[in-house]
Amino acid sequence: MKAIRFFRSFVFAYAGISAALKSEQNIRFHFTAAIIVVIAGLLTGLSSVEWMLIVLVIGGMLAFEMFNSSMERIVDLASPDLHPLAKQAKDMAAGAVLVFAIASAIIGLLIFLPKWF
């Protein structure tokens, strides 16, 4: 029984990823960017450590974006009317995504630029 529940949790997680890709433009953008980065990495010949960083950054970016989207839905459900605290919560979650996106871009530049130039 526990094994069945455990494996069903993967089905739910996949459903969440699928729902995010279907409904969220930003996640589709980040997913597309991830594919481009992986192709660039394959063509560039990254080291194992560089691949670890790339995978970590891509996974983190997608996770942050999904967390942001879920936060927006939770806030909208809990506070259907406009409220300053609801706006702050949504803005802070979006800000966290932006901070990680900037850090990810910097990491990408530090990895790729020396190899290309």
PDB file of N, CA and C in Angstrom:
ATOM      1  N   MET A   1       0.815  -1.199   0.000  1.00  0.00           N
ATOM      2  CA  MET A   1       0.000   0.000   0.000  1.00  0.00           C
ATOM      3  C   MET A   1       0.858   1.262   0.000  1.00  0.00           C
ATOM      4  N   LYS A   2       1.907   1.271   0.841  1.00  0.00           N
ATOM      5  CA  LYS A   2       2.757   2.450   0.893  1.00  0.00           C
ATOM      6  C   LYS A   2       3.468   2.665  -0.430  1.00  0.00           C
ATOM      7  N   ALA A   3       3.848   1.572  -1.082  1.00  0.00           N
ATOM      8  CA  ALA A   3       4.535   1.684  -2.371  1.00  0.00           C
ATOM      9  C   ALA A   3       3.606   2.286  -3.418  1.00  0.00           C
ATOM     10  N   ILE A   4       2.347   1.895  -3.380  1.00  0.00           N
ATOM     11  CA  ILE A   4       1.380   2.444  -4.341  1.00  0.00           C
ATOM     12  C   ILE A   4       1.207   3.938  -4.112  1.00  0.00           C
ATOM     13  N   ARG A   5       1.060   4.341  -2.860  1.00  0.00           N
ATOM     14  CA  ARG A   5       0.944   5.784  -2.557  1.00  0.00           C
ATOM     15  C   ARG A   5       2.196   6.523  -2.991  1.00  0.00           C
ATOM     16  N   PHE A   6       3.347   5.915  -2.759  1.00  0.00           N
ATOM     17  CA  PHE A   6       4.607   6.543  -3.139  1.00  0.00           C
ATOM     18  C   PHE A   6       4.645   6.791  -4.650  1.00  0.00           C
ATOM     19  N   PHE A   7       4.314   5.783  -5.439  1.00  0.00           N
ATOM     20  CA  PHE A   7       4.367   5.932  -6.886  1.00  0.00           C
ATOM     21  C   PHE A   7       3.254   6.845  -7.402  1.00  0.00           C
ATOM     22  N   ARG A   8       2.109   6.864  -6.730  1.00  0.00           N
ATOM     23  CA  ARG A   8       1.046   7.797  -7.126  1.00  0.00           C
ATOM     24  C   ARG A   8       1.481   9.238  -6.932  1.00  0.00           C
ATOM     25  N   SER A   9       2.365   9.496  -5.965  1.00  0.00           N
ATOM     26  CA  SER A   9       2.844  10.855  -5.752  1.00  0.00           C
ATOM     27  C   SER A   9       3.597  11.364  -6.982  1.00  0.00           C
ATOM     28  N   PHE A  10       4.258  10.458  -7.708  1.00  0.00           N
ATOM     29  CA  PHE A  10       4.927  10.851  -8.945  1.00  0.00           C
ATOM     30  C   PHE A  10       3.908  11.233 -10.014  1.00  0.00           C
ATOM     31  N   VAL A  11       2.788  10.535 -10.039  1.00  0.00           N
ATOM     32  CA  VAL A  11       1.722  10.876 -10.991  1.00  0.00           C
ATOM     33  C   VAL A  11       1.203  12.278 -10.701  1.00  0.00           C
ATOM     34  N   PHE A  12       1.008  12.593  -9.436  1.00  0.00           N
ATOM     35  CA  PHE A  12       0.531  13.929  -9.058  1.00  0.00           C
ATOM     36  C   PHE A  12       1.568  14.992  -9.411  1.00  0.00           C
ATOM     37  N   ALA A  13       2.829  14.686  -9.170  1.00  0.00           N
ATOM     38  CA  ALA A  13       3.895  15.642  -9.494  1.00  0.00           C
ATOM     39  C   ALA A  13       3.952  15.883 -11.003  1.00  0.00           C
ATOM     40  N   TYR A  14       3.844  14.817 -11.780  1.00  0.00           N
ATOM     41  CA  TYR A  14       3.838  14.963 -13.234  1.00  0.00           C
ATOM     42  C   TYR A  14       2.636  15.802 -13.674  1.00  0.00           C
ATOM     43  N   ALA A  15       1.488  15.585 -13.049  1.00  0.00           N
ATOM     44  CA  ALA A  15       0.298  16.374 -13.385  1.00  0.00           C
ATOM     45  C   ALA A  15       0.533  17.855 -13.096  1.00  0.00           C
ATOM     46  N   GLY A  16       1.244  18.141 -12.017  1.00  0.00           N
ATOM     47  CA  GLY A  16       1.555  19.529 -11.690  1.00  0.00           C
ATOM     48  C   GLY A  16       2.490  20.159 -12.706  1.00  0.00           C
ATOM     49  N   ILE A  17       3.505  19.417 -13.112  1.00  0.00           N
ATOM     50  CA  ILE A  17       4.437  19.923 -14.129  1.00  0.00           C
ATOM     51  C   ILE A  17       3.705  20.138 -15.445  1.00  0.00           C
ATOM     52  N   SER A  18       2.875  19.182 -15.807  1.00  0.00           N
ATOM     53  CA  SER A  18       2.109  19.279 -17.049  1.00  0.00           C
ATOM     54  C   SER A  18       1.163  20.482 -17.018  1.00  0.00           C
ATOM     55  N   ALA A  19       0.478  20.674 -15.898  1.00  0.00           N
ATOM     56  CA  ALA A  19      -0.436  21.818 -15.763  1.00  0.00           C
ATOM     57  C   ALA A  19       0.326  23.134 -15.863  1.00  0.00           C
ATOM     58  N   ALA A  20       1.495  23.177 -15.258  1.00  0.00           N
ATOM     59  CA  ALA A  20       2.309  24.399 -15.318  1.00  0.00           C
ATOM     60  C   ALA A  20       2.738  24.692 -16.750  1.00  0.00           C
ATOM     61  N   LEU A  21       3.198  23.675 -17.468  1.00  0.00           N
ATOM     62  CA  LEU A  21       3.623  23.884 -18.848  1.00  0.00           C
ATOM     63  C   LEU A  21       2.466  24.300 -19.748  1.00  0.00           C
ATOM     64  N   LYS A  22       1.264  23.797 -19.466  1.00  0.00           N
ATOM     65  CA  LYS A  22       0.100  24.139 -20.282  1.00  0.00           C
ATOM     66  C   LYS A  22      -0.420  25.540 -19.992  1.00  0.00           C
ATOM     67  N   SER A  23      -0.319  25.978 -18.741  1.00  0.00           N
ATOM     68  CA  SER A  23      -1.007  27.208 -18.367  1.00  0.00           C
ATOM     69  C   SER A  23      -0.102  28.412 -18.110  1.00  0.00           C
ATOM     70  N   GLU A  24       1.196  28.200 -17.965  1.00  0.00           N
ATOM     71  CA  GLU A  24       2.077  29.299 -17.563  1.00  0.00           C
ATOM     72  C   GLU A  24       3.090  29.636 -18.648  1.00  0.00           C
ATOM     73  N   GLN A  25       2.959  30.827 -19.204  1.00  0.00           N
ATOM     74  CA  GLN A  25       3.854  31.287 -20.261  1.00  0.00           C
ATOM     75  C   GLN A  25       5.306  31.366 -19.784  1.00  0.00           C
ATOM     76  N   ASN A  26       5.523  31.849 -18.568  1.00  0.00           N
ATOM     77  CA  ASN A  26       6.890  32.000 -18.069  1.00  0.00           C
ATOM     78  C   ASN A  26       7.594  30.657 -17.910  1.00  0.00           C
ATOM     79  N   ILE A  27       6.868  29.639 -17.487  1.00  0.00           N
ATOM     80  CA  ILE A  27       7.474  28.316 -17.349  1.00  0.00           C
ATOM     81  C   ILE A  27       7.848  27.771 -18.724  1.00  0.00           C
ATOM     82  N   ARG A  28       6.987  27.983 -19.701  1.00  0.00           N
ATOM     83  CA  ARG A  28       7.321  27.554 -21.067  1.00  0.00           C
ATOM     84  C   ARG A  28       8.564  28.295 -21.568  1.00  0.00           C
ATOM     85  N   PHE A  29       8.678  29.576 -21.249  1.00  0.00           N
ATOM     86  CA  PHE A  29       9.868  30.343 -21.638  1.00  0.00           C
ATOM     87  C   PHE A  29      11.119  29.736 -20.992  1.00  0.00           C
ATOM     88  N   HIS A  30      11.058  29.491 -19.682  1.00  0.00           N
ATOM     89  CA  HIS A  30      12.222  28.944 -18.980  1.00  0.00           C
ATOM     90  C   HIS A  30      12.546  27.527 -19.470  1.00  0.00           C
ATOM     91  N   PHE A  31      11.528  26.741 -19.772  1.00  0.00           N
ATOM     92  CA  PHE A  31      11.740  25.387 -20.293  1.00  0.00           C
ATOM     93  C   PHE A  31      12.429  25.444 -21.653  1.00  0.00           C
ATOM     94  N   THR A  32      11.986  26.364 -22.506  1.00  0.00           N
ATOM     95  CA  THR A  32      12.615  26.550 -23.814  1.00  0.00           C
ATOM     96  C   THR A  32      14.059  27.014 -23.653  1.00  0.00           C
ATOM     97  N   ALA A  33      14.280  27.957 -22.750  1.00  0.00           N
ATOM     98  CA  ALA A  33      15.639  28.429 -22.482  1.00  0.00           C
ATOM     99  C   ALA A  33      16.509  27.281 -21.991  1.00  0.00           C
ATOM    100  N   ALA A  34      15.955  26.406 -21.168  1.00  0.00           N
ATOM    101  CA  ALA A  34      16.706  25.260 -20.656  1.00  0.00           C
ATOM    102  C   ALA A  34      17.133  24.341 -21.794  1.00  0.00           C
ATOM    103  N   ILE A  35      16.250  24.110 -22.734  1.00  0.00           N
ATOM    104  CA  ILE A  35      16.583  23.257 -23.885  1.00  0.00           C
ATOM    105  C   ILE A  35      17.726  23.890 -24.683  1.00  0.00           C
ATOM    106  N   ILE A  36      17.655  25.205 -24.891  1.00  0.00           N
ATOM    107  CA  ILE A  36      18.709  25.911 -25.623  1.00  0.00           C
ATOM    108  C   ILE A  36      20.040  25.804 -24.880  1.00  0.00           C
ATOM    109  N   VAL A  37      20.006  25.961 -23.559  1.00  0.00           N
ATOM    110  CA  VAL A  37      21.231  25.870 -22.753  1.00  0.00           C
ATOM    111  C   VAL A  37      21.820  24.460 -22.825  1.00  0.00           C
ATOM    112  N   VAL A  38      20.979  23.450 -22.765  1.00  0.00           N
ATOM    113  CA  VAL A  38      21.471  22.063 -22.847  1.00  0.00           C
ATOM    114  C   VAL A  38      22.116  21.812 -24.207  1.00  0.00           C
ATOM    115  N   ILE A  39      21.477  22.289 -25.276  1.00  0.00           N
ATOM    116  CA  ILE A  39      22.065  22.124 -26.610  1.00  0.00           C
ATOM    117  C   ILE A  39      23.410  22.862 -26.686  1.00  0.00           C
ATOM    118  N   ALA A  40      23.440  24.092 -26.173  1.00  0.00           N
ATOM    119  CA  ALA A  40      24.702  24.856 -26.165  1.00  0.00           C
ATOM    120  C   ALA A  40      25.765  24.133 -25.352  1.00  0.00           C
ATOM    121  N   GLY A  41      25.357  23.541 -24.239  1.00  0.00           N
ATOM    122  CA  GLY A  41      26.303  22.791 -23.412  1.00  0.00           C
ATOM    123  C   GLY A  41      26.853  21.577 -24.123  1.00  0.00           C
ATOM    124  N   LEU A  42      25.993  20.870 -24.846  1.00  0.00           N
ATOM    125  CA  LEU A  42      26.444  19.707 -25.603  1.00  0.00           C
ATOM    126  C   LEU A  42      27.421  20.117 -26.703  1.00  0.00           C
ATOM    127  N   LEU A  43      27.130  21.233 -27.365  1.00  0.00           N
ATOM    128  CA  LEU A  43      27.999  21.708 -28.442  1.00  0.00           C
ATOM    129  C   LEU A  43      29.309  22.296 -27.911  1.00  0.00           C
ATOM    130  N   THR A  44      29.267  22.811 -26.694  1.00  0.00           N
ATOM    131  CA  THR A  44      30.437  23.473 -26.113  1.00  0.00           C
ATOM    132  C   THR A  44      31.377  22.480 -25.444  1.00  0.00           C
ATOM    133  N   GLY A  45      30.844  21.379 -24.963  1.00  0.00           N
ATOM    134  CA  GLY A  45      31.684  20.393 -24.281  1.00  0.00           C
ATOM    135  C   GLY A  45      31.981  20.795 -22.847  1.00  0.00           C
ATOM    136  N   LEU A  46      30.942  20.850 -22.041  1.00  0.00           N
ATOM    137  CA  LEU A  46      31.096  21.252 -20.646  1.00  0.00           C
ATOM    138  C   LEU A  46      31.704  20.131 -19.815  1.00  0.00           C
ATOM    139  N   SER A  47      32.368  20.511 -18.744  1.00  0.00           N
ATOM    140  CA  SER A  47      32.918  19.537 -17.803  1.00  0.00           C
ATOM    141  C   SER A  47      31.791  18.988 -16.924  1.00  0.00           C
ATOM    142  N   SER A  48      32.106  17.951 -16.158  1.00  0.00           N
ATOM    143  CA  SER A  48      31.108  17.370 -15.248  1.00  0.00           C
ATOM    144  C   SER A  48      30.624  18.389 -14.222  1.00  0.00           C
ATOM    145  N   VAL A  49      31.534  19.162 -13.683  1.00  0.00           N
ATOM    146  CA  VAL A  49      31.161  20.174 -12.684  1.00  0.00           C
ATOM    147  C   VAL A  49      30.282  21.248 -13.320  1.00  0.00           C
ATOM    148  N   GLU A  50      30.616  21.656 -14.536  1.00  0.00           N
ATOM    149  CA  GLU A  50      29.800  22.656 -15.229  1.00  0.00           C
ATOM    150  C   GLU A  50      28.400  22.120 -15.507  1.00  0.00           C
ATOM    151  N   TRP A  51      28.302  20.852 -15.902  1.00  0.00           N
ATOM    152  CA  TRP A  51      26.986  20.233 -16.110  1.00  0.00           C
ATOM    153  C   TRP A  51      26.191  20.181 -14.811  1.00  0.00           C
ATOM    154  N   MET A  52      26.874  19.873 -13.714  1.00  0.00           N
ATOM    155  CA  MET A  52      26.170  19.848 -12.423  1.00  0.00           C
ATOM    156  C   MET A  52      25.574  21.216 -12.111  1.00  0.00           C
ATOM    157  N   LEU A  53      26.353  22.253 -12.345  1.00  0.00           N
ATOM    158  CA  LEU A  53      25.857  23.615 -12.098  1.00  0.00           C
ATOM    159  C   LEU A  53      24.692  23.951 -13.031  1.00  0.00           C
ATOM    160  N   ILE A  54      24.816  23.593 -14.297  1.00  0.00           N
ATOM    161  CA  ILE A  54      23.752  23.867 -15.265  1.00  0.00           C
ATOM    162  C   ILE A  54      22.467  23.141 -14.870  1.00  0.00           C
ATOM    163  N   VAL A  55      22.579  21.868 -14.522  1.00  0.00           N
ATOM    164  CA  VAL A  55      21.396  21.091 -14.119  1.00  0.00           C
ATOM    165  C   VAL A  55      20.770  21.690 -12.860  1.00  0.00           C
ATOM    166  N   LEU A  56      21.602  22.068 -11.913  1.00  0.00           N
ATOM    167  CA  LEU A  56      21.104  22.682 -10.678  1.00  0.00           C
ATOM    168  C   LEU A  56      20.378  23.992 -10.963  1.00  0.00           C
ATOM    169  N   VAL A  57      20.954  24.810 -11.816  1.00  0.00           N
ATOM    170  CA  VAL A  57      20.348  26.096 -12.149  1.00  0.00           C
ATOM    171  C   VAL A  57      19.041  25.907 -12.919  1.00  0.00           C
ATOM    172  N   ILE A  58      19.033  25.008 -13.883  1.00  0.00           N
ATOM    173  CA  ILE A  58      17.809  24.756 -14.649  1.00  0.00           C
ATOM    174  C   ILE A  58      16.721  24.207 -13.736  1.00  0.00           C
ATOM    175  N   GLY A  59      17.055  23.211 -12.925  1.00  0.00           N
ATOM    176  CA  GLY A  59      16.064  22.650 -12.001  1.00  0.00           C
ATOM    177  C   GLY A  59      15.551  23.686 -11.023  1.00  0.00           C
ATOM    178  N   GLY A  60      16.455  24.494 -10.496  1.00  0.00           N
ATOM    179  CA  GLY A  60      16.047  25.541  -9.563  1.00  0.00           C
ATOM    180  C   GLY A  60      15.145  26.562 -10.208  1.00  0.00           C
ATOM    181  N   MET A  61      15.468  26.957 -11.438  1.00  0.00           N
ATOM    182  CA  MET A  61      14.662  27.964 -12.129  1.00  0.00           C
ATOM    183  C   MET A  61      13.252  27.454 -12.376  1.00  0.00           C
ATOM    184  N   LEU A  62      13.141  26.233 -12.874  1.00  0.00           N
ATOM    185  CA  LEU A  62      11.817  25.665 -13.131  1.00  0.00           C
ATOM    186  C   LEU A  62      11.034  25.485 -11.829  1.00  0.00           C
ATOM    187  N   ALA A  63      11.728  25.043 -10.784  1.00  0.00           N
ATOM    188  CA  ALA A  63      11.063  24.858  -9.487  1.00  0.00           C
ATOM    189  C   ALA A  63      10.587  26.204  -8.926  1.00  0.00           C
ATOM    190  N   PHE A  64      11.437  27.219  -8.984  1.00  0.00           N
ATOM    191  CA  PHE A  64      11.047  28.546  -8.510  1.00  0.00           C
ATOM    192  C   PHE A  64       9.844  29.069  -9.276  1.00  0.00           C
ATOM    193  N   GLU A  65       9.844  28.884 -10.586  1.00  0.00           N
ATOM    194  CA  GLU A  65       8.735  29.385 -11.405  1.00  0.00           C
ATOM    195  C   GLU A  65       7.443  28.648 -11.059  1.00  0.00           C
ATOM    196  N   MET A  66       7.527  27.334 -10.839  1.00  0.00           N
ATOM    197  CA  MET A  66       6.320  26.593 -10.449  1.00  0.00           C
ATOM    198  C   MET A  66       5.852  27.002  -9.055  1.00  0.00           C
ATOM    199  N   PHE A  67       6.801  27.228  -8.156  1.00  0.00           N
ATOM    200  CA  PHE A  67       6.434  27.696  -6.818  1.00  0.00           C
ATOM    201  C   PHE A  67       5.748  29.055  -6.909  1.00  0.00           C
ATOM    202  N   ASN A  68       6.275  29.940  -7.725  1.00  0.00           N
ATOM    203  CA  ASN A  68       5.668  31.256  -7.899  1.00  0.00           C
ATOM    204  C   ASN A  68       4.233  31.127  -8.419  1.00  0.00           C
ATOM    205  N   SER A  69       4.033  30.275  -9.406  1.00  0.00           N
ATOM    206  CA  SER A  69       2.695  30.081  -9.966  1.00  0.00           C
ATOM    207  C   SER A  69       1.741  29.498  -8.934  1.00  0.00           C
ATOM    208  N   SER A  70       2.237  28.553  -8.142  1.00  0.00           N
ATOM    209  CA  SER A  70       1.368  27.976  -7.111  1.00  0.00           C
ATOM    210  C   SER A  70       1.054  29.008  -6.034  1.00  0.00           C
ATOM    211  N   MET A  71       2.030  29.850  -5.703  1.00  0.00           N
ATOM    212  CA  MET A  71       1.807  30.912  -4.725  1.00  0.00           C
ATOM    213  C   MET A  71       0.733  31.879  -5.225  1.00  0.00           C
ATOM    214  N   GLU A  72       0.787  32.231  -6.502  1.00  0.00           N
ATOM    215  CA  GLU A  72      -0.225  33.126  -7.065  1.00  0.00           C
ATOM    216  C   GLU A  72      -1.620  32.516  -6.953  1.00  0.00           C
ATOM    217  N   ARG A  73      -1.726  31.219  -7.230  1.00  0.00           N
ATOM    218  CA  ARG A  73      -3.033  30.556  -7.142  1.00  0.00           C
ATOM    219  C   ARG A  73      -3.537  30.495  -5.697  1.00  0.00           C
ATOM    220  N   ILE A  74      -2.639  30.199  -4.782  1.00  0.00           N
ATOM    221  CA  ILE A  74      -3.031  30.137  -3.370  1.00  0.00           C
ATOM    222  C   ILE A  74      -3.507  31.501  -2.889  1.00  0.00           C
ATOM    223  N   VAL A  75      -2.761  32.542  -3.230  1.00  0.00           N
ATOM    224  CA  VAL A  75      -3.136  33.895  -2.816  1.00  0.00           C
ATOM    225  C   VAL A  75      -4.465  34.284  -3.444  1.00  0.00           C
ATOM    226  N   ASP A  76      -4.648  33.988  -4.723  1.00  0.00           N
ATOM    227  CA  ASP A  76      -5.917  34.317  -5.384  1.00  0.00           C
ATOM    228  C   ASP A  76      -7.089  33.579  -4.736  1.00  0.00           C
ATOM    229  N   LEU A  77      -6.851  32.343  -4.327  1.00  0.00           N
ATOM    230  CA  LEU A  77      -7.904  31.565  -3.677  1.00  0.00           C
ATOM    231  C   LEU A  77      -8.220  32.121  -2.285  1.00  0.00           C
ATOM    232  N   ALA A  78      -7.171  32.449  -1.538  1.00  0.00           N
ATOM    233  CA  ALA A  78      -7.356  32.932  -0.163  1.00  0.00           C
ATOM    234  C   ALA A  78      -7.854  34.370  -0.117  1.00  0.00           C
ATOM    235  N   SER A  79      -7.510  35.155  -1.120  1.00  0.00           N
ATOM    236  CA  SER A  79      -7.872  36.575  -1.125  1.00  0.00           C
ATOM    237  C   SER A  79      -8.354  36.972  -2.517  1.00  0.00           C
ATOM    238  N   PRO A  80      -9.603  36.588  -2.858  1.00  0.00           N
ATOM    239  CA  PRO A  80     -10.098  36.894  -4.202  1.00  0.00           C
ATOM    240  C   PRO A  80     -10.214  38.405  -4.468  1.00  0.00           C
ATOM    241  N   ASP A  81     -10.423  39.180  -3.409  1.00  0.00           N
ATOM    242  CA  ASP A  81     -10.460  40.632  -3.563  1.00  0.00           C
ATOM    243  C   ASP A  81      -9.035  41.174  -3.502  1.00  0.00           C
ATOM    244  N   LEU A  82      -8.840  42.332  -4.120  1.00  0.00           N
ATOM    245  CA  LEU A  82      -7.522  42.955  -4.074  1.00  0.00           C
ATOM    246  C   LEU A  82      -7.189  43.342  -2.641  1.00  0.00           C
ATOM    247  N   HIS A  83      -5.990  42.982  -2.211  1.00  0.00           N
ATOM    248  CA  HIS A  83      -5.544  43.314  -0.862  1.00  0.00           C
ATOM    249  C   HIS A  83      -4.047  43.605  -0.933  1.00  0.00           C
ATOM    250  N   PRO A  84      -3.579  44.642  -0.225  1.00  0.00           N
ATOM    251  CA  PRO A  84      -2.154  44.988  -0.301  1.00  0.00           C
ATOM    252  C   PRO A  84      -1.222  43.844   0.106  1.00  0.00           C
ATOM    253  N   LEU A  85      -1.593  43.071   1.114  1.00  0.00           N
ATOM    254  CA  LEU A  85      -0.737  41.958   1.533  1.00  0.00           C
ATOM    255  C   LEU A  85      -0.711  40.844   0.491  1.00  0.00           C
ATOM    256  N   ALA A  86      -1.840  40.603  -0.163  1.00  0.00           N
ATOM    257  CA  ALA A  86      -1.879  39.603  -1.232  1.00  0.00           C
ATOM    258  C   ALA A  86      -0.955  40.039  -2.374  1.00  0.00           C
ATOM    259  N   LYS A  87      -1.020  41.307  -2.716  1.00  0.00           N
ATOM    260  CA  LYS A  87      -0.144  41.829  -3.769  1.00  0.00           C
ATOM    261  C   LYS A  87       1.323  41.699  -3.377  1.00  0.00           C
ATOM    262  N   GLN A  88       1.642  42.024  -2.137  1.00  0.00           N
ATOM    263  CA  GLN A  88       3.030  41.905  -1.681  1.00  0.00           C
ATOM    264  C   GLN A  88       3.518  40.458  -1.751  1.00  0.00           C
ATOM    265  N   ALA A  89       2.674  39.525  -1.329  1.00  0.00           N
ATOM    266  CA  ALA A  89       3.060  38.109  -1.366  1.00  0.00           C
ATOM    267  C   ALA A  89       3.351  37.674  -2.798  1.00  0.00           C
ATOM    268  N   LYS A  90       2.491  38.048  -3.730  1.00  0.00           N
ATOM    269  CA  LYS A  90       2.693  37.675  -5.128  1.00  0.00           C
ATOM    270  C   LYS A  90       3.922  38.364  -5.710  1.00  0.00           C
ATOM    271  N   ASP A  91       4.110  39.632  -5.370  1.00  0.00           N
ATOM    272  CA  ASP A  91       5.275  40.371  -5.870  1.00  0.00           C
ATOM    273  C   ASP A  91       6.579  39.801  -5.316  1.00  0.00           C
ATOM    274  N   MET A  92       6.572  39.400  -4.050  1.00  0.00           N
ATOM    275  CA  MET A  92       7.782  38.826  -3.458  1.00  0.00           C
ATOM    276  C   MET A  92       8.128  37.490  -4.108  1.00  0.00           C
ATOM    277  N   ALA A  93       7.128  36.678  -4.375  1.00  0.00           N
ATOM    278  CA  ALA A  93       7.385  35.396  -5.038  1.00  0.00           C
ATOM    279  C   ALA A  93       7.939  35.634  -6.442  1.00  0.00           C
ATOM    280  N   ALA A  94       7.368  36.610  -7.146  1.00  0.00           N
ATOM    281  CA  ALA A  94       7.889  36.948  -8.481  1.00  0.00           C
ATOM    282  C   ALA A  94       9.306  37.500  -8.372  1.00  0.00           C
ATOM    283  N   GLY A  95       9.573  38.270  -7.335  1.00  0.00           N
ATOM    284  CA  GLY A  95      10.915  38.795  -7.112  1.00  0.00           C
ATOM    285  C   GLY A  95      11.925  37.694  -6.868  1.00  0.00           C
ATOM    286  N   ALA A  96      11.520  36.659  -6.143  1.00  0.00           N
ATOM    287  CA  ALA A  96      12.424  35.522  -5.907  1.00  0.00           C
ATOM    288  C   ALA A  96      12.792  34.853  -7.226  1.00  0.00           C
ATOM    289  N   VAL A  97      11.818  34.731  -8.119  1.00  0.00           N
ATOM    290  CA  VAL A  97      12.087  34.154  -9.440  1.00  0.00           C
ATOM    291  C   VAL A  97      13.077  35.028 -10.195  1.00  0.00           C
ATOM    292  N   LEU A  98      12.875  36.339 -10.143  1.00  0.00           N
ATOM    293  CA  LEU A  98      13.773  37.257 -10.844  1.00  0.00           C
ATOM    294  C   LEU A  98      15.197  37.179 -10.299  1.00  0.00           C
ATOM    295  N   VAL A  99      15.332  37.127  -8.980  1.00  0.00           N
ATOM    296  CA  VAL A  99      16.666  37.021  -8.372  1.00  0.00           C
ATOM    297  C   VAL A  99      17.366  35.752  -8.855  1.00  0.00           C
ATOM    298  N   PHE A 100      16.644  34.635  -8.846  1.00  0.00           N
ATOM    299  CA  PHE A 100      17.259  33.378  -9.285  1.00  0.00           C
ATOM    300  C   PHE A 100      17.552  33.401 -10.778  1.00  0.00           C
ATOM    301  N   ALA A 101      16.691  34.029 -11.567  1.00  0.00           N
ATOM    302  CA  ALA A 101      16.926  34.128 -13.010  1.00  0.00           C
ATOM    303  C   ALA A 101      18.189  34.933 -13.300  1.00  0.00           C
ATOM    304  N   ILE A 102      18.382  36.036 -12.583  1.00  0.00           N
ATOM    305  CA  ILE A 102      19.591  36.849 -12.769  1.00  0.00           C
ATOM    306  C   ILE A 102      20.833  36.050 -12.361  1.00  0.00           C
ATOM    307  N   ALA A 103      20.753  35.382 -11.210  1.00  0.00           N
ATOM    308  CA  ALA A 103      21.885  34.557 -10.764  1.00  0.00           C
ATOM    309  C   ALA A 103      22.166  33.450 -11.777  1.00  0.00           C
ATOM    310  N   SER A 104      21.121  32.857 -12.327  1.00  0.00           N
ATOM    311  CA  SER A 104      21.291  31.791 -13.324  1.00  0.00           C
ATOM    312  C   SER A 104      21.969  32.314 -14.577  1.00  0.00           C
ATOM    313  N   ALA A 105      21.559  33.497 -15.020  1.00  0.00           N
ATOM    314  CA  ALA A 105      22.168  34.093 -16.208  1.00  0.00           C
ATOM    315  C   ALA A 105      23.648  34.377 -15.968  1.00  0.00           C
ATOM    316  N   ILE A 106      23.973  34.875 -14.785  1.00  0.00           N
ATOM    317  CA  ILE A 106      25.379  35.149 -14.454  1.00  0.00           C
ATOM    318  C   ILE A 106      26.184  33.854 -14.449  1.00  0.00           C
ATOM    319  N   ILE A 107      25.634  32.808 -13.847  1.00  0.00           N
ATOM    320  CA  ILE A 107      26.315  31.510 -13.835  1.00  0.00           C
ATOM    321  C   ILE A 107      26.525  31.012 -15.264  1.00  0.00           C
ATOM    322  N   GLY A 108      25.490  31.142 -16.095  1.00  0.00           N
ATOM    323  CA  GLY A 108      25.617  30.732 -17.492  1.00  0.00           C
ATOM    324  C   GLY A 108      26.706  31.501 -18.217  1.00  0.00           C
ATOM    325  N   LEU A 109      26.766  32.800 -17.995  1.00  0.00           N
ATOM    326  CA  LEU A 109      27.814  33.613 -18.621  1.00  0.00           C
ATOM    327  C   LEU A 109      29.199  33.200 -18.134  1.00  0.00           C
ATOM    328  N   LEU A 110      29.329  32.944 -16.831  1.00  0.00           N
ATOM    329  CA  LEU A 110      30.627  32.528 -16.284  1.00  0.00           C
ATOM    330  C   LEU A 110      31.080  31.182 -16.838  1.00  0.00           C
ATOM    331  N   ILE A 111      30.133  30.320 -17.156  1.00  0.00           N
ATOM    332  CA  ILE A 111      30.478  29.002 -17.697  1.00  0.00           C
ATOM    333  C   ILE A 111      30.768  29.081 -19.197  1.00  0.00           C
ATOM    334  N   PHE A 112      29.889  29.759 -19.950  1.00  0.00           N
ATOM    335  CA  PHE A 112      29.981  29.714 -21.402  1.00  0.00           C
ATOM    336  C   PHE A 112      30.950  30.726 -22.015  1.00  0.00           C
ATOM    337  N   LEU A 113      30.974  31.934 -21.531  1.00  0.00           N
ATOM    338  CA  LEU A 113      31.800  32.970 -22.185  1.00  0.00           C
ATOM    339  C   LEU A 113      33.282  32.600 -22.273  1.00  0.00           C
ATOM    340  N   PRO A 114      33.908  32.099 -21.209  1.00  0.00           N
ATOM    341  CA  PRO A 114      35.329  31.737 -21.342  1.00  0.00           C
ATOM    342  C   PRO A 114      35.567  30.646 -22.393  1.00  0.00           C
ATOM    343  N   LYS A 115      34.613  29.761 -22.563  1.00  0.00           N
ATOM    344  CA  LYS A 115      34.775  28.675 -23.547  1.00  0.00           C
ATOM    345  C   LYS A 115      34.578  29.185 -24.976  1.00  0.00           C
ATOM    346  N   TRP A 116      33.759  30.211 -25.132  1.00  0.00           N
ATOM    347  CA  TRP A 116      33.456  30.729 -26.471  1.00  0.00           C
ATOM    348  C   TRP A 116      34.463  31.780 -26.921  1.00  0.00           C
ATOM    349  N   PHE A 117      35.119  32.442 -25.979  1.00  0.00           N
ATOM    350  CA  PHE A 117      36.043  33.535 -26.373  1.00  0.00           C
ATOM    351  C   PHE A 117      37.414  33.215 -25.898  1.00  0.00           C
TER     352      PHE A 117
END
